[in-house]
């Protein structure tokens, strides 16, 4: 019997570099790109977040993801939505960690990935973000990129650390199901995949 869901393997392509660039996002009234994006927390205190990924479906529907230092000093996920007029912060089902990439395919189908308590995969259905169970091979695992062709065909890439400390590439595929996939296959040491 075929099991479906997120599948992972060590097969993939080595990516030359990972850029840790914070993209600048325009404000509602900006005519040029800005360089900082201040936000306030629940107590009204201003803090600066890092945005790692952005994806737009239309000029009035875009998502940006990243991280921000929370009240307790731990990294919290940062998720923002652009409605054509203003950016608003959205509270995803995962609070702590970092979202590194987002792929919005339609206004009712988007994926965000990153890491926190292992790999983090979130799906937007047009109403709410939900966490999707994902593999966590090795000691630590991170997701750095995501791409979606349909609601039943999405890919995420990253890497994981083995017990010996070596890094292996991680490729995961979503086929619309909910079961775990096969084990990760081993690639050359110190391999990381990033996307899109």
N, C-alpha and C. Protein backbone atom coordinates (compact mmCIF):
# COMPACT_ATOMS: atom_id res chain seq x y z
N UNK A 1 0.83 -1.17 0.00
CA UNK A 1 0.00 0.00 0.00
C UNK A 1 0.88 1.24 0.00
N UNK A 2 0.61 2.19 -0.87
CA UNK A 2 1.41 3.41 -1.00
C UNK A 2 1.06 4.39 0.10
N UNK A 3 2.07 4.92 0.75
CA UNK A 3 1.87 5.94 1.78
C UNK A 3 2.12 7.28 1.14
N UNK A 4 1.35 8.27 1.54
CA UNK A 4 1.51 9.58 0.94
C UNK A 4 1.76 10.63 2.01
N UNK A 5 2.11 11.82 1.58
CA UNK A 5 2.42 12.91 2.49
C UNK A 5 3.75 13.52 2.12
N UNK A 6 4.45 14.07 3.10
CA UNK A 6 5.78 14.62 2.86
C UNK A 6 6.75 13.46 2.78
N UNK A 7 7.51 13.41 1.72
CA UNK A 7 8.52 12.38 1.54
C UNK A 7 9.88 13.06 1.50
N UNK A 8 10.87 12.41 2.03
CA UNK A 8 12.20 13.01 2.02
C UNK A 8 13.24 12.01 1.56
N UNK A 9 14.27 12.56 0.93
CA UNK A 9 15.38 11.73 0.50
C UNK A 9 16.62 12.58 0.49
N UNK A 10 17.76 11.96 0.42
CA UNK A 10 19.01 12.69 0.37
C UNK A 10 19.40 13.11 -1.03
N UNK A 11 18.63 12.73 -2.02
CA UNK A 11 18.97 13.07 -3.40
C UNK A 11 18.72 14.55 -3.65
N UNK A 12 19.59 15.19 -4.40
CA UNK A 12 19.38 16.60 -4.70
C UNK A 12 20.58 17.23 -5.35
N UNK A 13 20.55 18.51 -5.47
CA UNK A 13 21.60 19.28 -6.11
C UNK A 13 22.24 20.20 -5.09
N UNK A 14 23.54 20.27 -5.08
CA UNK A 14 24.24 21.16 -4.16
C UNK A 14 24.05 22.60 -4.60
N UNK A 15 23.67 23.44 -3.67
CA UNK A 15 23.51 24.86 -3.96
C UNK A 15 24.77 25.57 -3.50
N UNK A 16 25.28 26.46 -4.32
CA UNK A 16 26.58 27.09 -4.08
C UNK A 16 26.61 27.92 -2.81
N UNK A 17 25.57 28.63 -2.49
CA UNK A 17 25.63 29.50 -1.32
C UNK A 17 24.23 29.77 -0.80
N UNK A 18 24.17 30.07 0.47
CA UNK A 18 22.92 30.52 1.09
C UNK A 18 23.13 31.97 1.48
N UNK A 19 22.26 32.82 1.00
CA UNK A 19 22.37 34.23 1.33
C UNK A 19 21.50 34.55 2.52
N UNK A 20 22.04 35.22 3.50
CA UNK A 20 21.24 35.65 4.63
C UNK A 20 20.98 37.14 4.47
N UNK A 21 20.12 37.45 3.53
CA UNK A 21 19.79 38.83 3.20
C UNK A 21 18.41 39.13 3.73
N UNK A 22 18.24 40.27 4.33
CA UNK A 22 16.94 40.70 4.79
C UNK A 22 16.33 41.57 3.71
N UNK A 23 15.28 41.10 3.01
CA UNK A 23 14.69 41.90 1.96
C UNK A 23 13.93 43.09 2.52
N UNK A 24 13.94 44.17 1.79
CA UNK A 24 13.19 45.36 2.19
C UNK A 24 11.81 45.29 1.56
N UNK A 25 10.80 45.65 2.31
CA UNK A 25 9.43 45.57 1.85
C UNK A 25 8.84 46.98 1.86
N UNK A 26 8.10 47.37 0.80
CA UNK A 26 7.56 48.72 0.77
C UNK A 26 6.41 48.89 1.75
N UNK A 27 6.31 50.08 2.34
CA UNK A 27 5.17 50.37 3.22
C UNK A 27 3.98 50.73 2.35
N UNK A 28 2.84 50.95 2.99
CA UNK A 28 1.60 51.21 2.26
C UNK A 28 1.68 52.47 1.40
N UNK A 29 2.46 53.47 1.81
CA UNK A 29 2.52 54.73 1.09
C UNK A 29 3.88 54.99 0.46
N UNK A 30 4.73 53.99 0.42
CA UNK A 30 6.09 54.19 -0.08
C UNK A 30 6.10 54.22 -1.61
N UNK A 31 7.00 55.02 -2.16
CA UNK A 31 7.21 55.03 -3.61
C UNK A 31 8.53 54.38 -3.95
N UNK A 32 9.33 54.07 -2.95
CA UNK A 32 10.60 53.36 -3.14
C UNK A 32 10.69 52.27 -2.09
N UNK A 33 11.64 51.37 -2.27
CA UNK A 33 11.86 50.31 -1.30
C UNK A 33 12.48 50.87 -0.04
N UNK A 34 11.99 50.44 1.11
CA UNK A 34 12.57 50.82 2.39
C UNK A 34 13.64 49.82 2.78
N UNK A 35 14.32 50.07 3.88
CA UNK A 35 15.38 49.17 4.31
C UNK A 35 15.13 48.55 5.68
N UNK A 36 14.15 49.04 6.43
CA UNK A 36 13.86 48.48 7.75
C UNK A 36 12.35 48.33 7.89
N UNK A 37 11.95 47.39 8.70
CA UNK A 37 10.55 47.12 8.89
C UNK A 37 10.26 46.99 10.38
N UNK A 38 10.03 48.09 11.07
CA UNK A 38 9.77 48.00 12.52
C UNK A 38 8.34 47.53 12.78
N UNK A 39 8.18 46.74 13.83
CA UNK A 39 6.87 46.27 14.25
C UNK A 39 6.75 46.45 15.74
N UNK A 40 5.55 46.40 16.26
CA UNK A 40 5.36 46.48 17.70
C UNK A 40 4.86 45.15 18.21
N UNK A 41 5.28 44.81 19.43
CA UNK A 41 4.78 43.58 20.03
C UNK A 41 3.47 43.88 20.75
N UNK A 42 2.93 42.90 21.45
CA UNK A 42 1.64 43.07 22.11
C UNK A 42 1.66 44.17 23.16
N UNK A 43 2.83 44.45 23.71
CA UNK A 43 2.95 45.50 24.72
C UNK A 43 3.19 46.87 24.09
N UNK A 44 3.23 46.94 22.77
CA UNK A 44 3.43 48.21 22.08
C UNK A 44 4.89 48.61 21.92
N UNK A 45 5.81 47.72 22.32
CA UNK A 45 7.23 48.01 22.20
C UNK A 45 7.69 47.72 20.77
N UNK A 46 8.45 48.65 20.17
CA UNK A 46 8.94 48.47 18.81
C UNK A 46 10.10 47.49 18.80
N UNK A 47 10.10 46.59 17.84
CA UNK A 47 11.22 45.66 17.65
C UNK A 47 11.45 45.50 16.16
N UNK A 48 12.62 45.02 15.80
CA UNK A 48 12.95 44.80 14.40
C UNK A 48 13.01 43.31 14.12
N UNK A 49 12.40 42.91 13.04
CA UNK A 49 12.42 41.52 12.63
C UNK A 49 13.27 41.35 11.39
N UNK A 50 13.59 40.11 11.09
CA UNK A 50 14.30 39.77 9.85
C UNK A 50 13.33 39.03 8.95
N UNK A 51 13.24 39.48 7.72
CA UNK A 51 12.42 38.78 6.73
C UNK A 51 13.33 37.94 5.85
N UNK A 52 12.97 36.67 5.69
CA UNK A 52 13.79 35.75 4.92
C UNK A 52 13.16 35.36 3.60
N UNK A 53 11.85 35.52 3.47
CA UNK A 53 11.19 35.11 2.24
C UNK A 53 9.94 35.91 1.97
N UNK A 54 9.59 36.06 0.69
CA UNK A 54 8.38 36.78 0.30
C UNK A 54 7.82 36.12 -0.96
N UNK A 55 6.50 36.11 -1.07
CA UNK A 55 5.83 35.56 -2.25
C UNK A 55 4.51 36.29 -2.42
N UNK A 56 4.21 36.68 -3.66
CA UNK A 56 2.97 37.41 -3.94
C UNK A 56 2.13 36.66 -4.96
N UNK A 57 0.83 36.62 -4.72
CA UNK A 57 -0.13 36.07 -5.66
C UNK A 57 -0.63 37.18 -6.56
N UNK A 58 -0.81 38.36 -5.98
CA UNK A 58 -1.31 39.53 -6.71
C UNK A 58 -0.84 40.79 -5.98
N UNK A 59 -1.08 41.93 -6.57
CA UNK A 59 -0.64 43.19 -5.94
C UNK A 59 -1.33 43.44 -4.61
N UNK A 60 -2.42 42.74 -4.34
CA UNK A 60 -3.12 42.90 -3.07
C UNK A 60 -3.10 41.64 -2.22
N UNK A 61 -2.16 40.74 -2.50
CA UNK A 61 -2.10 39.48 -1.75
C UNK A 61 -0.66 38.96 -1.75
N UNK A 62 0.07 39.26 -0.69
CA UNK A 62 1.46 38.83 -0.58
C UNK A 62 1.75 38.38 0.85
N UNK A 63 2.69 37.46 0.96
CA UNK A 63 3.14 36.96 2.27
C UNK A 63 4.63 37.20 2.42
N UNK A 64 5.06 37.54 3.63
CA UNK A 64 6.48 37.66 3.97
C UNK A 64 6.70 36.90 5.27
N UNK A 65 7.83 36.18 5.36
CA UNK A 65 8.11 35.36 6.55
C UNK A 65 9.53 35.60 7.04
N UNK A 66 9.76 35.32 8.32
CA UNK A 66 11.09 35.47 8.90
C UNK A 66 11.09 35.14 10.37
N UNK A 67 11.79 35.98 11.13
CA UNK A 67 11.93 35.76 12.57
C UNK A 67 12.03 37.08 13.30
N UNK A 68 11.76 37.04 14.59
CA UNK A 68 11.88 38.20 15.45
C UNK A 68 12.22 37.69 16.85
N UNK A 69 12.99 38.47 17.60
CA UNK A 69 13.31 38.09 18.97
C UNK A 69 12.08 38.37 19.83
N UNK A 70 11.56 37.33 20.49
CA UNK A 70 10.37 37.46 21.32
C UNK A 70 10.68 38.09 22.66
N UNK A 71 9.64 38.27 23.45
CA UNK A 71 9.76 38.88 24.78
C UNK A 71 10.74 38.13 25.67
N UNK A 72 10.80 36.80 25.53
CA UNK A 72 11.67 35.98 26.37
C UNK A 72 13.07 35.80 25.79
N UNK A 73 13.38 36.51 24.69
CA UNK A 73 14.70 36.43 24.08
C UNK A 73 14.85 35.26 23.11
N UNK A 74 13.82 34.45 22.94
CA UNK A 74 13.84 33.31 22.03
C UNK A 74 13.31 33.77 20.68
N UNK A 75 13.84 33.19 19.60
CA UNK A 75 13.36 33.56 18.26
C UNK A 75 11.92 33.10 18.06
N UNK A 76 11.09 34.02 17.62
CA UNK A 76 9.70 33.71 17.27
C UNK A 76 9.53 33.86 15.77
N UNK A 77 8.62 33.08 15.21
CA UNK A 77 8.35 33.21 13.78
C UNK A 77 7.68 34.55 13.51
N UNK A 78 7.97 35.10 12.34
CA UNK A 78 7.37 36.35 11.90
C UNK A 78 6.68 36.08 10.58
N UNK A 79 5.38 36.35 10.53
CA UNK A 79 4.61 36.15 9.31
C UNK A 79 3.76 37.40 9.08
N UNK A 80 3.90 37.97 7.88
CA UNK A 80 3.18 39.19 7.53
C UNK A 80 2.36 38.97 6.27
N UNK A 81 1.21 39.66 6.19
CA UNK A 81 0.37 39.58 4.99
C UNK A 81 0.11 40.99 4.47
N UNK A 82 0.24 41.17 3.14
CA UNK A 82 -0.03 42.43 2.45
C UNK A 82 -1.39 42.30 1.78
N UNK A 83 -2.32 43.22 2.07
CA UNK A 83 -3.66 43.16 1.49
C UNK A 83 -3.89 44.22 0.41
N UNK A 84 -2.81 44.84 -0.05
CA UNK A 84 -2.91 45.89 -1.06
C UNK A 84 -2.90 47.28 -0.47
N UNK A 85 -3.12 47.36 0.84
CA UNK A 85 -3.13 48.64 1.54
C UNK A 85 -2.10 48.70 2.66
N UNK A 86 -2.02 47.61 3.43
CA UNK A 86 -1.12 47.61 4.60
C UNK A 86 -0.63 46.20 4.89
N UNK A 87 0.51 46.14 5.59
CA UNK A 87 1.04 44.89 6.09
C UNK A 87 0.42 44.64 7.46
N UNK A 88 0.05 43.39 7.74
CA UNK A 88 -0.44 43.02 9.07
C UNK A 88 0.27 41.74 9.51
N UNK A 89 0.51 41.66 10.81
CA UNK A 89 1.17 40.47 11.35
C UNK A 89 0.12 39.38 11.55
N UNK A 90 0.47 38.17 11.14
CA UNK A 90 -0.41 37.01 11.25
C UNK A 90 0.24 36.06 12.24
N UNK A 91 -0.55 35.51 13.14
CA UNK A 91 -0.04 34.55 14.12
C UNK A 91 -0.22 33.13 13.58
N UNK A 92 0.88 32.50 13.16
CA UNK A 92 0.79 31.12 12.66
C UNK A 92 0.68 30.14 13.83
N UNK A 93 0.41 28.86 13.55
CA UNK A 93 0.27 27.87 14.62
C UNK A 93 1.59 27.54 15.32
N UNK A 94 2.71 27.93 14.76
CA UNK A 94 4.01 27.73 15.39
C UNK A 94 4.49 29.07 15.88
N UNK A 95 4.89 29.17 17.13
CA UNK A 95 5.29 30.46 17.68
C UNK A 95 6.80 30.63 17.66
N UNK A 96 7.54 29.64 18.15
CA UNK A 96 8.99 29.78 18.23
C UNK A 96 9.66 29.15 17.02
N UNK A 97 10.72 29.83 16.54
CA UNK A 97 11.48 29.34 15.41
C UNK A 97 11.68 30.41 14.36
N UNK A 98 12.00 29.97 13.17
CA UNK A 98 12.25 30.86 12.04
C UNK A 98 11.57 30.30 10.80
N UNK A 99 10.83 31.15 10.11
CA UNK A 99 10.31 30.77 8.80
C UNK A 99 11.27 31.33 7.76
N UNK A 100 11.76 30.49 6.88
CA UNK A 100 12.81 30.90 5.94
C UNK A 100 12.32 31.11 4.52
N UNK A 101 11.16 30.56 4.17
CA UNK A 101 10.67 30.68 2.79
C UNK A 101 9.16 30.53 2.76
N UNK A 102 8.57 31.14 1.74
CA UNK A 102 7.12 31.04 1.53
C UNK A 102 6.87 30.94 0.04
N UNK A 103 5.87 30.14 -0.34
CA UNK A 103 5.46 30.01 -1.74
C UNK A 103 3.94 30.12 -1.79
N UNK A 104 3.45 31.26 -2.27
CA UNK A 104 2.01 31.46 -2.41
C UNK A 104 1.63 31.16 -3.85
N UNK A 105 0.82 30.15 -4.04
CA UNK A 105 0.41 29.75 -5.38
C UNK A 105 -0.89 30.42 -5.79
N UNK A 106 -1.84 30.46 -4.86
CA UNK A 106 -3.12 31.15 -5.06
C UNK A 106 -3.50 31.79 -3.73
N UNK A 107 -4.62 32.50 -3.70
CA UNK A 107 -5.06 33.12 -2.44
C UNK A 107 -5.56 32.07 -1.45
N UNK A 108 -5.72 30.83 -1.88
CA UNK A 108 -6.17 29.76 -0.99
C UNK A 108 -5.17 28.60 -0.92
N UNK A 109 -3.95 28.84 -1.37
CA UNK A 109 -2.95 27.76 -1.34
C UNK A 109 -1.56 28.36 -1.25
N UNK A 110 -0.97 28.31 -0.05
CA UNK A 110 0.39 28.80 0.16
C UNK A 110 1.10 27.89 1.16
N UNK A 111 2.42 27.83 1.04
CA UNK A 111 3.25 27.02 1.93
C UNK A 111 4.34 27.90 2.53
N UNK A 112 4.67 27.67 3.79
CA UNK A 112 5.79 28.33 4.44
C UNK A 112 6.60 27.26 5.16
N UNK A 113 7.93 27.39 5.11
CA UNK A 113 8.80 26.41 5.77
C UNK A 113 9.87 27.11 6.58
N UNK A 114 10.47 26.34 7.47
CA UNK A 114 11.55 26.86 8.30
C UNK A 114 11.96 25.81 9.32
N UNK A 115 12.29 26.29 10.53
CA UNK A 115 12.73 25.38 11.57
C UNK A 115 12.40 25.97 12.93
N UNK A 116 12.35 25.11 13.91
CA UNK A 116 12.06 25.48 15.29
C UNK A 116 12.33 24.26 16.12
N UNK A 117 11.27 23.53 16.46
CA UNK A 117 11.41 22.25 17.15
C UNK A 117 11.56 21.14 16.11
N UNK A 118 12.42 21.35 15.15
CA UNK A 118 12.60 20.48 14.00
C UNK A 118 12.17 21.22 12.75
N UNK A 119 11.93 20.48 11.67
CA UNK A 119 11.45 21.14 10.47
C UNK A 119 10.05 21.68 10.72
N UNK A 120 9.75 22.84 10.11
CA UNK A 120 8.42 23.44 10.24
C UNK A 120 7.85 23.60 8.84
N UNK A 121 6.67 23.05 8.61
CA UNK A 121 5.95 23.20 7.35
C UNK A 121 4.54 23.69 7.69
N UNK A 122 4.15 24.82 7.09
CA UNK A 122 2.82 25.38 7.32
C UNK A 122 2.09 25.49 5.99
N UNK A 123 0.77 25.31 6.02
CA UNK A 123 -0.05 25.43 4.81
C UNK A 123 -1.19 26.40 5.04
N UNK A 124 -1.42 27.29 4.05
CA UNK A 124 -2.52 28.26 4.07
C UNK A 124 -3.62 27.75 3.16
N UNK A 125 -4.85 27.68 3.67
CA UNK A 125 -5.98 27.20 2.88
C UNK A 125 -6.95 28.31 2.50
N UNK A 126 -6.55 29.55 2.69
CA UNK A 126 -7.40 30.69 2.40
C UNK A 126 -8.06 31.27 3.62
N UNK A 127 -8.06 30.51 4.72
CA UNK A 127 -8.68 30.98 5.95
C UNK A 127 -7.73 30.92 7.15
N UNK A 128 -6.91 29.85 7.21
CA UNK A 128 -6.05 29.66 8.37
C UNK A 128 -4.76 28.94 7.96
N UNK A 129 -3.67 29.26 8.66
CA UNK A 129 -2.42 28.53 8.50
C UNK A 129 -2.47 27.32 9.43
N UNK A 130 -2.08 26.16 8.93
CA UNK A 130 -2.04 24.93 9.72
C UNK A 130 -0.65 24.31 9.61
N UNK A 131 -0.21 23.69 10.70
CA UNK A 131 1.06 22.98 10.65
C UNK A 131 0.83 21.61 10.03
N UNK A 132 1.73 21.24 9.12
CA UNK A 132 1.67 19.95 8.44
C UNK A 132 2.81 19.10 8.96
N UNK A 133 2.51 17.87 9.34
CA UNK A 133 3.55 16.96 9.85
C UNK A 133 4.63 16.80 8.80
N UNK A 134 5.89 16.87 9.22
CA UNK A 134 7.02 16.76 8.29
C UNK A 134 8.14 15.94 8.91
N UNK A 135 8.95 15.29 8.08
CA UNK A 135 10.06 14.47 8.59
C UNK A 135 11.12 15.31 9.29
N UNK A 136 11.78 14.70 10.26
CA UNK A 136 12.88 15.33 10.99
C UNK A 136 14.02 14.34 11.12
N UNK A 137 14.74 14.09 10.04
CA UNK A 137 15.85 13.13 10.12
C UNK A 137 17.02 13.73 10.90
N UNK A 138 17.89 12.87 11.38
CA UNK A 138 19.10 13.32 12.05
C UNK A 138 18.85 13.93 13.42
N UNK A 139 19.88 14.64 13.92
CA UNK A 139 19.82 15.27 15.23
C UNK A 139 19.10 16.61 15.15
N UNK A 140 19.42 17.41 14.14
CA UNK A 140 18.79 18.70 13.89
C UNK A 140 18.42 18.76 12.41
N UNK A 141 17.34 19.48 12.09
CA UNK A 141 16.94 19.61 10.69
C UNK A 141 16.40 21.01 10.44
N UNK A 142 16.69 21.52 9.23
CA UNK A 142 16.28 22.87 8.83
C UNK A 142 15.72 22.83 7.42
N UNK A 143 14.71 23.66 7.15
CA UNK A 143 14.21 23.83 5.79
C UNK A 143 14.50 25.25 5.36
N UNK A 144 15.01 25.41 4.12
CA UNK A 144 15.45 26.72 3.63
C UNK A 144 14.68 27.21 2.41
N UNK A 145 13.98 26.33 1.71
CA UNK A 145 13.27 26.76 0.51
C UNK A 145 12.04 25.91 0.28
N UNK A 146 11.04 26.49 -0.44
CA UNK A 146 9.82 25.78 -0.76
C UNK A 146 9.31 26.26 -2.12
N UNK A 147 8.72 25.34 -2.86
CA UNK A 147 8.10 25.67 -4.14
C UNK A 147 6.87 24.79 -4.30
N UNK A 148 5.78 25.36 -4.83
CA UNK A 148 4.54 24.59 -4.99
C UNK A 148 4.00 24.75 -6.40
N UNK A 149 3.64 23.64 -7.01
CA UNK A 149 3.02 23.65 -8.34
C UNK A 149 1.52 23.50 -8.25
N UNK A 150 1.04 22.84 -7.19
CA UNK A 150 -0.39 22.67 -6.96
C UNK A 150 -0.57 22.34 -5.48
N UNK A 151 -1.83 22.22 -5.06
CA UNK A 151 -2.08 21.89 -3.65
C UNK A 151 -1.62 20.48 -3.31
N UNK A 152 -1.34 19.67 -4.32
CA UNK A 152 -0.87 18.30 -4.10
C UNK A 152 0.52 18.06 -4.68
N UNK A 153 1.27 19.13 -4.91
CA UNK A 153 2.62 18.99 -5.46
C UNK A 153 3.49 20.14 -4.98
N UNK A 154 4.11 19.96 -3.82
CA UNK A 154 4.98 20.98 -3.23
C UNK A 154 6.31 20.33 -2.84
N UNK A 155 7.38 21.12 -2.92
CA UNK A 155 8.72 20.64 -2.61
C UNK A 155 9.35 21.56 -1.57
N UNK A 156 10.07 20.98 -0.63
CA UNK A 156 10.83 21.76 0.35
C UNK A 156 12.25 21.20 0.40
N UNK A 157 13.22 22.08 0.59
CA UNK A 157 14.62 21.66 0.65
C UNK A 157 15.30 22.26 1.88
N UNK A 158 16.33 21.60 2.33
CA UNK A 158 17.10 22.07 3.47
C UNK A 158 18.24 21.14 3.76
N UNK A 159 18.54 20.96 5.04
CA UNK A 159 19.59 20.04 5.42
C UNK A 159 19.34 19.54 6.84
N UNK A 160 20.08 18.50 7.20
CA UNK A 160 20.00 17.97 8.56
C UNK A 160 21.39 17.54 9.01
N UNK A 161 21.55 17.47 10.34
CA UNK A 161 22.82 17.09 10.92
C UNK A 161 22.71 15.67 11.46
N UNK A 162 23.71 14.85 11.12
CA UNK A 162 23.73 13.47 11.60
C UNK A 162 24.33 13.41 13.00
N UNK A 163 24.26 12.24 13.61
CA UNK A 163 24.86 12.05 14.94
C UNK A 163 26.35 12.35 14.95
N UNK A 164 27.02 12.14 13.80
CA UNK A 164 28.47 12.38 13.72
C UNK A 164 28.79 13.85 13.45
N UNK A 165 27.76 14.68 13.24
CA UNK A 165 27.99 16.10 12.98
C UNK A 165 28.02 16.49 11.51
N UNK A 166 27.95 15.50 10.63
CA UNK A 166 27.94 15.80 9.20
C UNK A 166 26.59 16.36 8.79
N UNK A 167 26.59 17.22 7.79
CA UNK A 167 25.35 17.77 7.24
C UNK A 167 25.00 17.05 5.96
N UNK A 168 23.73 16.76 5.79
CA UNK A 168 23.23 16.07 4.61
C UNK A 168 22.09 16.89 4.02
N UNK A 169 21.96 16.84 2.70
CA UNK A 169 20.87 17.54 2.03
C UNK A 169 19.54 16.87 2.37
N UNK A 170 18.49 17.66 2.41
CA UNK A 170 17.15 17.16 2.70
C UNK A 170 16.20 17.68 1.62
N UNK A 171 15.54 16.75 0.94
CA UNK A 171 14.55 17.10 -0.08
C UNK A 171 13.24 16.44 0.34
N UNK A 172 12.17 17.23 0.42
CA UNK A 172 10.87 16.67 0.80
C UNK A 172 9.85 17.01 -0.28
N UNK A 173 8.92 16.09 -0.51
CA UNK A 173 7.87 16.30 -1.50
C UNK A 173 6.51 16.05 -0.86
N UNK A 174 5.58 16.98 -1.07
CA UNK A 174 4.21 16.82 -0.59
C UNK A 174 3.35 16.37 -1.77
N UNK A 175 2.62 15.25 -1.57
CA UNK A 175 1.77 14.76 -2.65
C UNK A 175 0.30 14.76 -2.25
N UNK A 176 -0.03 15.52 -1.21
CA UNK A 176 -1.42 15.65 -0.80
C UNK A 176 -1.86 14.72 0.30
N UNK A 177 -1.02 13.75 0.67
CA UNK A 177 -1.39 12.79 1.71
C UNK A 177 -0.95 13.22 3.09
N UNK A 178 -0.95 12.27 4.02
CA UNK A 178 -0.59 12.63 5.39
C UNK A 178 0.32 11.61 6.07
N UNK A 179 0.87 10.66 5.34
CA UNK A 179 1.72 9.66 5.96
C UNK A 179 3.18 10.00 5.85
N UNK A 180 4.02 9.42 6.71
CA UNK A 180 5.46 9.67 6.62
C UNK A 180 6.06 9.00 5.40
N UNK A 181 7.14 9.55 4.90
CA UNK A 181 7.80 9.01 3.72
C UNK A 181 8.96 8.12 4.10
N UNK A 182 9.76 7.72 3.12
CA UNK A 182 10.90 6.85 3.37
C UNK A 182 12.03 7.60 4.07
N UNK A 183 13.00 6.88 4.53
CA UNK A 183 14.15 7.50 5.20
C UNK A 183 14.97 8.35 4.24
N UNK A 184 15.73 9.29 4.81
CA UNK A 184 16.62 10.12 4.00
C UNK A 184 17.80 9.29 3.53
N UNK A 185 18.22 9.53 2.32
CA UNK A 185 19.41 8.88 1.79
C UNK A 185 20.60 9.79 2.04
N UNK A 186 21.77 9.21 2.15
CA UNK A 186 22.97 9.96 2.45
C UNK A 186 23.57 10.59 1.20
N UNK A 187 23.96 11.86 1.32
CA UNK A 187 24.70 12.57 0.28
C UNK A 187 26.09 12.88 0.82
N UNK A 188 26.86 13.57 0.04
CA UNK A 188 28.19 13.99 0.49
C UNK A 188 28.06 14.84 1.75
N UNK A 189 29.07 14.83 2.56
CA UNK A 189 29.07 15.62 3.79
C UNK A 189 28.98 17.11 3.50
N UNK A 190 28.46 17.82 4.50
CA UNK A 190 28.37 19.29 4.47
C UNK A 190 27.63 19.81 3.23
N UNK A 191 26.51 19.16 2.93
CA UNK A 191 25.67 19.55 1.81
C UNK A 191 24.42 20.22 2.32
N UNK A 192 24.07 21.36 1.75
CA UNK A 192 22.86 22.07 2.11
C UNK A 192 22.13 22.46 0.83
N UNK A 193 20.81 22.34 0.85
CA UNK A 193 20.00 22.80 -0.28
C UNK A 193 19.20 24.00 0.16
N UNK A 194 19.10 24.96 -0.73
CA UNK A 194 18.33 26.18 -0.49
C UNK A 194 17.52 26.46 -1.73
N UNK A 195 16.47 27.22 -1.62
CA UNK A 195 15.62 27.45 -2.78
C UNK A 195 15.20 28.89 -2.88
N UNK A 196 14.38 29.21 -3.80
CA UNK A 196 13.50 28.34 -4.55
C UNK A 196 14.17 27.73 -5.73
